[in-house]
Amino acid sequence: MSKEAVFVVKIGNKEVEINEKTLSVLREYLKTPMGLDELAQKLGLESWEEAYEFLKAVPAWILWMPPSLWRNASRWILEKQEGSK
């Protein structure tokens, strides 16, 4: 049975899961003229302030990772963490 790593970013009381869908929205935000209001709407956040806090909390290496590589990268990270225990 294969384990899946789940990465979340906490914004106040909310948790936003980092997955392929979230990465697709982030890549769209980085590459197109999208405002923070629209980003908040697509991520299910309440306001542009939450979207701004989310962007500040996400590590840069995650922001620039292609969504198609996310599944393999998250498995690799999980294996590394289990191997160091």
Protein backbone atom coordinates (compact mmCIF):
# COMPACT_ATOMS: atom_id res chain seq x y z
CA MET A 1 0.00 0.00 0.00
CA SER A 2 1.47 3.33 -1.07
CA LYS A 3 1.37 6.24 1.31
CA GLU A 4 0.57 9.73 0.07
CA ALA A 5 2.08 12.80 1.64
CA VAL A 6 -0.38 15.60 2.28
CA PHE A 7 1.00 19.12 2.46
CA VAL A 8 -1.11 21.93 3.84
CA VAL A 9 -0.57 25.64 4.37
CA LYS A 10 -2.36 27.16 7.35
CA ILE A 11 -3.98 30.55 6.89
CA GLY A 12 -5.54 31.62 10.17
CA ASN A 13 -8.08 28.90 10.96
CA LYS A 14 -8.05 27.47 7.43
CA GLU A 15 -5.84 24.87 5.86
CA VAL A 16 -5.21 24.83 2.11
CA GLU A 17 -3.98 21.51 0.77
CA ILE A 18 -1.19 21.66 -1.77
CA ASN A 19 -2.13 19.33 -4.60
CA GLU A 20 -2.11 19.33 -8.39
CA LYS A 21 -5.23 21.50 -8.59
CA THR A 22 -3.84 24.09 -6.18
CA LEU A 23 -0.55 24.13 -8.08
CA SER A 24 -2.39 24.66 -11.37
CA VAL A 25 -4.15 27.71 -9.90
CA LEU A 26 -0.86 29.05 -8.50
CA ARG A 27 0.90 28.59 -11.86
CA GLU A 28 -1.97 30.41 -13.57
CA TYR A 29 -1.61 33.25 -11.03
CA LEU A 30 2.15 33.48 -11.68
CA LYS A 31 1.89 33.44 -15.47
CA THR A 32 -1.23 35.53 -16.14
CA PRO A 33 -2.54 38.90 -14.99
CA MET A 34 -4.72 37.50 -12.19
CA GLY A 35 -5.57 39.58 -9.14
CA LEU A 36 -5.53 38.39 -5.55
CA ASP A 37 -9.35 38.54 -5.46
CA GLU A 38 -9.59 36.02 -8.29
CA LEU A 39 -6.88 33.85 -6.72
CA ALA A 40 -8.80 33.83 -3.44
CA GLN A 41 -11.98 32.81 -5.24
CA LYS A 42 -10.27 29.94 -7.10
CA LEU A 43 -8.63 28.63 -3.92
CA GLY A 44 -11.80 28.92 -1.84
CA LEU A 45 -10.44 31.68 0.40
CA GLU A 46 -12.56 34.51 1.76
CA SER A 47 -10.58 37.57 0.69
CA TRP A 48 -7.53 38.88 -1.11
CA GLU A 49 -5.85 39.24 2.30
CA GLU A 50 -6.06 35.46 2.83
CA ALA A 51 -4.72 34.89 -0.69
CA TYR A 52 -1.81 37.22 0.09
CA GLU A 53 -1.05 35.39 3.36
CA PHE A 54 -1.25 32.08 1.49
CA LEU A 55 1.27 33.25 -1.11
CA LYS A 56 3.63 34.40 1.64
CA ALA A 57 3.38 31.02 3.38
CA VAL A 58 3.96 28.78 0.36
CA PRO A 59 7.65 27.94 -0.19
CA ALA A 60 9.00 29.24 -3.51
CA TRP A 61 10.07 25.79 -4.70
CA ILE A 62 6.45 24.67 -4.49
CA LEU A 63 5.19 27.73 -6.38
CA TRP A 64 7.37 26.96 -9.39
CA MET A 65 6.90 23.18 -9.43
CA PRO A 66 4.89 21.92 -12.40
CA PRO A 67 1.68 20.26 -11.22
CA SER A 68 2.54 17.10 -13.16
CA LEU A 69 5.63 16.58 -10.97
CA TRP A 70 3.89 17.15 -7.65
CA ARG A 71 2.81 13.56 -7.04
CA ASN A 72 6.33 12.20 -7.55
CA ALA A 73 7.94 14.98 -5.52
CA SER A 74 5.59 14.47 -2.59
CA ARG A 75 6.30 10.71 -2.60
CA TRP A 76 10.05 11.39 -2.69
CA ILE A 77 9.78 13.76 0.28
CA LEU A 78 7.76 11.20 2.23
CA GLU A 79 10.34 8.48 1.50
CA LYS A 80 13.16 10.77 2.62
CA GLN A 81 11.35 11.55 5.88
CA GLU A 82 10.67 7.88 6.59
CA GLY A 83 14.26 6.95 5.75
CA SER A 84 15.68 9.46 8.23
CA LYS A 85 13.67 8.01 11.14
